[in-house]
Amino acid sequence: MREDKVAILVGSYSLAMILGALFFQYGLGVLPCEMCHWQRWPHDGAIVAGLGGTLLYVWRVIDRDALRLLVWLALVLILTTALIGGYQALVEWKLVAGPSSCTGPRFVLGANMNLNAPVPRCDAPSWRLFGLSLAGYNFLISSGAALVGGLLLTKAVKLPLAWAR
């Protein structure tokens, strides 16, 4: 598959994941913990590398080789967010210790401290479906997306879609 098509797929995937996370946060009231925010950062980078790289390629600012490099960068970023999600899922299942900044006591005294504000912990998921939290789903789906994106980019697999040519 052409690099520009894979870049659009990869960037759009990360954009959909960020929009989904924002829907859970603002639409459903599922508050993100510190590690949840860590998972969003690589998605943000993948959006810029994938969709931004496509725009630069279409505007002829970069060539196909540079776009291919940006797509690989986006895929590495998606794999990074998957690994962070997997780590958080292990923390939630109490299989590994999480960072003390979001699994230990959360009170840090300060002048503008709001003691009534909810503080989500990284080891206590706010939402689950079929036993998996959002971090677990991010691990599964993002790992698959990185694998499929890599296969499409190396042309090891082809999609039977007209626009993919």
Protein backbone atom coordinates (compact mmCIF):
# COMPACT_ATOMS: atom_id res chain seq x y z
CA MET A 1 0.00 0.00 0.00
CA ARG A 2 1.25 3.48 -0.73
CA GLU A 3 2.86 5.38 2.10
CA ASP A 4 0.39 8.24 1.98
CA LYS A 5 -2.56 5.87 2.44
CA VAL A 6 -0.90 4.14 5.40
CA ALA A 7 -0.06 7.55 6.89
CA ILE A 8 -3.73 8.56 6.67
CA LEU A 9 -4.82 5.29 8.29
CA VAL A 10 -2.27 5.53 11.10
CA GLY A 11 -2.92 9.20 11.83
CA SER A 12 -6.69 8.72 11.68
CA TYR A 13 -6.47 5.74 14.02
CA SER A 14 -4.65 7.79 16.66
CA LEU A 15 -7.07 10.68 16.19
CA ALA A 16 -9.99 8.30 16.75
CA MET A 17 -8.33 6.95 19.91
CA ILE A 18 -7.82 10.47 21.31
CA LEU A 19 -11.40 11.47 20.47
CA GLY A 20 -12.62 8.28 22.14
CA ALA A 21 -10.60 9.02 25.27
CA LEU A 22 -11.98 12.56 25.36
CA PHE A 23 -15.54 11.20 24.95
CA PHE A 24 -15.00 8.88 27.92
CA GLN A 25 -13.57 11.76 29.96
CA TYR A 26 -16.03 14.55 29.13
CA GLY A 27 -19.05 12.65 27.86
CA LEU A 28 -19.17 9.79 30.34
CA GLY A 29 -17.25 11.32 33.24
CA VAL A 30 -14.51 8.66 33.39
CA LEU A 31 -11.62 10.62 34.87
CA PRO A 32 -8.15 9.78 33.51
CA CYS A 33 -5.29 8.99 35.83
CA GLU A 34 -1.69 10.05 35.30
CA MET A 35 -0.81 6.95 33.25
CA CYS A 36 -3.90 7.51 31.09
CA HIS A 37 -2.40 10.84 30.10
CA TRP A 38 0.92 9.13 29.36
CA GLN A 39 -0.92 6.96 26.82
CA ARG A 40 -2.34 9.99 25.05
CA TRP A 41 1.01 11.64 24.30
CA PRO A 42 2.24 9.05 21.77
CA HIS A 43 -1.16 9.17 20.05
CA ASP A 44 -0.76 12.94 19.73
CA GLY A 45 2.64 12.43 18.10
CA ALA A 46 1.25 9.77 15.76
CA ILE A 47 -1.47 12.17 14.63
CA VAL A 48 1.12 14.80 13.78
CA ALA A 49 3.45 12.31 12.07
CA GLY A 50 0.70 10.51 10.14
CA LEU A 51 -1.73 13.23 9.12
CA GLY A 52 0.81 16.06 9.20
CA GLY A 53 3.23 13.98 7.14
CA THR A 54 0.50 13.31 4.60
CA LEU A 55 -0.21 17.03 4.26
CA LEU A 56 3.49 17.78 3.81
CA TYR A 57 3.70 15.05 1.16
CA VAL A 58 0.61 16.30 -0.70
CA TRP A 59 1.98 19.86 -0.62
CA ARG A 60 5.29 18.46 -1.97
CA VAL A 61 7.29 19.69 1.01
CA ILE A 62 8.67 16.20 1.65
CA ASP A 63 9.26 13.23 -0.65
CA ARG A 64 8.02 9.65 -0.40
CA ASP A 65 11.08 8.49 1.58
CA ALA A 66 10.57 11.16 4.23
CA LEU A 67 6.88 10.26 4.44
CA ARG A 68 7.78 6.59 4.90
CA LEU A 69 10.05 7.59 7.78
CA LEU A 70 7.23 9.60 9.38
CA VAL A 71 4.85 6.65 9.03
CA TRP A 72 7.38 4.37 10.77
CA LEU A 73 7.69 6.99 13.50
CA ALA A 74 3.90 7.05 13.90
CA LEU A 75 3.84 3.24 14.12
CA VAL A 76 6.55 3.28 16.81
CA LEU A 77 4.52 5.86 18.73
CA ILE A 78 1.40 3.69 18.50
CA LEU A 79 3.39 0.72 19.74
CA THR A 80 4.68 2.92 22.58
CA THR A 81 1.16 3.82 23.71
CA ALA A 82 0.23 0.14 23.51
CA LEU A 83 3.12 -0.78 25.82
CA ILE A 84 2.18 1.95 28.29
CA GLY A 85 -1.40 0.66 28.24
CA GLY A 86 -0.19 -2.88 28.83
CA TYR A 87 1.92 -1.72 31.76
CA GLN A 88 -1.04 0.12 33.25
CA ALA A 89 -3.27 -2.94 32.82
CA LEU A 90 -0.70 -5.01 34.74
CA VAL A 91 -0.67 -2.34 37.46
CA GLU A 92 -4.48 -2.43 37.61
CA TRP A 93 -4.44 -6.22 38.01
CA LYS A 94 -1.81 -5.80 40.78
CA LEU A 95 0.67 -7.97 38.86
CA VAL A 96 3.38 -5.29 38.90
CA ALA A 97 3.97 -2.24 41.04
CA GLY A 98 2.96 1.06 39.54
CA PRO A 99 4.64 4.43 39.86
CA SER A 100 4.30 5.83 43.37
CA SER A 101 3.13 9.15 41.92
CA CYS A 102 -0.24 7.67 40.98
CA THR A 103 -0.64 4.53 43.08
CA GLY A 104 0.39 5.87 46.49
CA PRO A 105 -0.97 8.65 48.66
CA ARG A 106 -2.11 11.56 46.49
CA PHE A 107 -2.06 14.50 48.87
CA VAL A 108 0.52 17.15 48.11
CA LEU A 109 0.06 20.24 50.21
CA GLY A 110 -0.20 23.46 48.26
CA ALA A 111 -1.81 26.89 48.52
CA ASN A 112 -4.47 26.24 45.87
CA MET A 113 -5.27 22.68 46.88
CA ASN A 114 -8.85 21.52 46.31
CA LEU A 115 -9.45 18.69 48.77
CA ASN A 116 -12.82 17.89 47.18
CA ALA A 117 -11.44 17.21 43.69
CA PRO A 118 -11.50 13.53 42.74
CA VAL A 119 -8.05 12.07 42.13
CA PRO A 120 -8.10 8.86 40.08
CA ARG A 121 -5.52 6.24 40.96
CA CYS A 122 -3.62 4.32 38.29
CA ASP A 123 -4.15 0.99 40.02
CA ALA A 124 -7.95 1.33 40.26
CA PRO A 125 -9.64 1.50 36.84
CA SER A 126 -12.69 3.75 36.63
CA TRP A 127 -14.31 1.69 33.85
CA ARG A 128 -14.22 -1.94 32.71
CA LEU A 129 -15.88 -3.96 29.97
CA PHE A 130 -15.47 -7.75 29.85
CA GLY A 131 -12.75 -7.49 32.48
CA LEU A 132 -10.58 -5.02 30.57
CA SER A 133 -10.08 -1.35 31.33
CA LEU A 134 -9.45 1.34 28.75
CA ALA A 135 -5.71 0.76 29.24
CA GLY A 136 -6.15 -2.93 28.42
CA TYR A 137 -8.15 -2.12 25.30
CA ASN A 138 -5.54 0.44 24.27
CA PHE A 139 -2.88 -2.28 24.59
CA LEU A 140 -4.80 -4.78 22.46
CA ILE A 141 -6.07 -2.43 19.78
CA SER A 142 -2.94 -0.31 19.44
CA SER A 143 -0.70 -3.39 19.25
CA GLY A 144 -2.87 -4.69 16.43
CA ALA A 145 -2.92 -1.33 14.69
CA ALA A 146 0.87 -1.07 14.82
CA LEU A 147 1.23 -4.60 13.45
CA VAL A 148 -1.26 -4.07 10.62
CA GLY A 149 0.26 -0.68 9.78
CA GLY A 150 3.72 -2.22 9.60
CA LEU A 151 2.48 -5.04 7.38
CA LEU A 152 0.71 -2.59 5.08
CA LEU A 153 3.77 -0.37 4.87
CA THR A 154 6.06 -3.27 4.01
CA LYS A 155 3.47 -4.51 1.51
CA ALA A 156 3.36 -7.90 3.25
CA VAL A 157 -0.43 -7.71 3.15
CA LYS A 158 -2.81 -5.89 0.82
CA LEU A 159 -6.26 -4.56 1.53
CA PRO A 160 -8.95 -5.33 -1.04
CA LEU A 161 -10.14 -1.73 -1.17
CA ALA A 162 -10.28 0.47 -4.24
CA TRP A 163 -8.78 3.52 -2.47
CA ALA A 164 -5.85 1.46 -1.15
CA ARG A 165 -4.23 1.20 -4.59
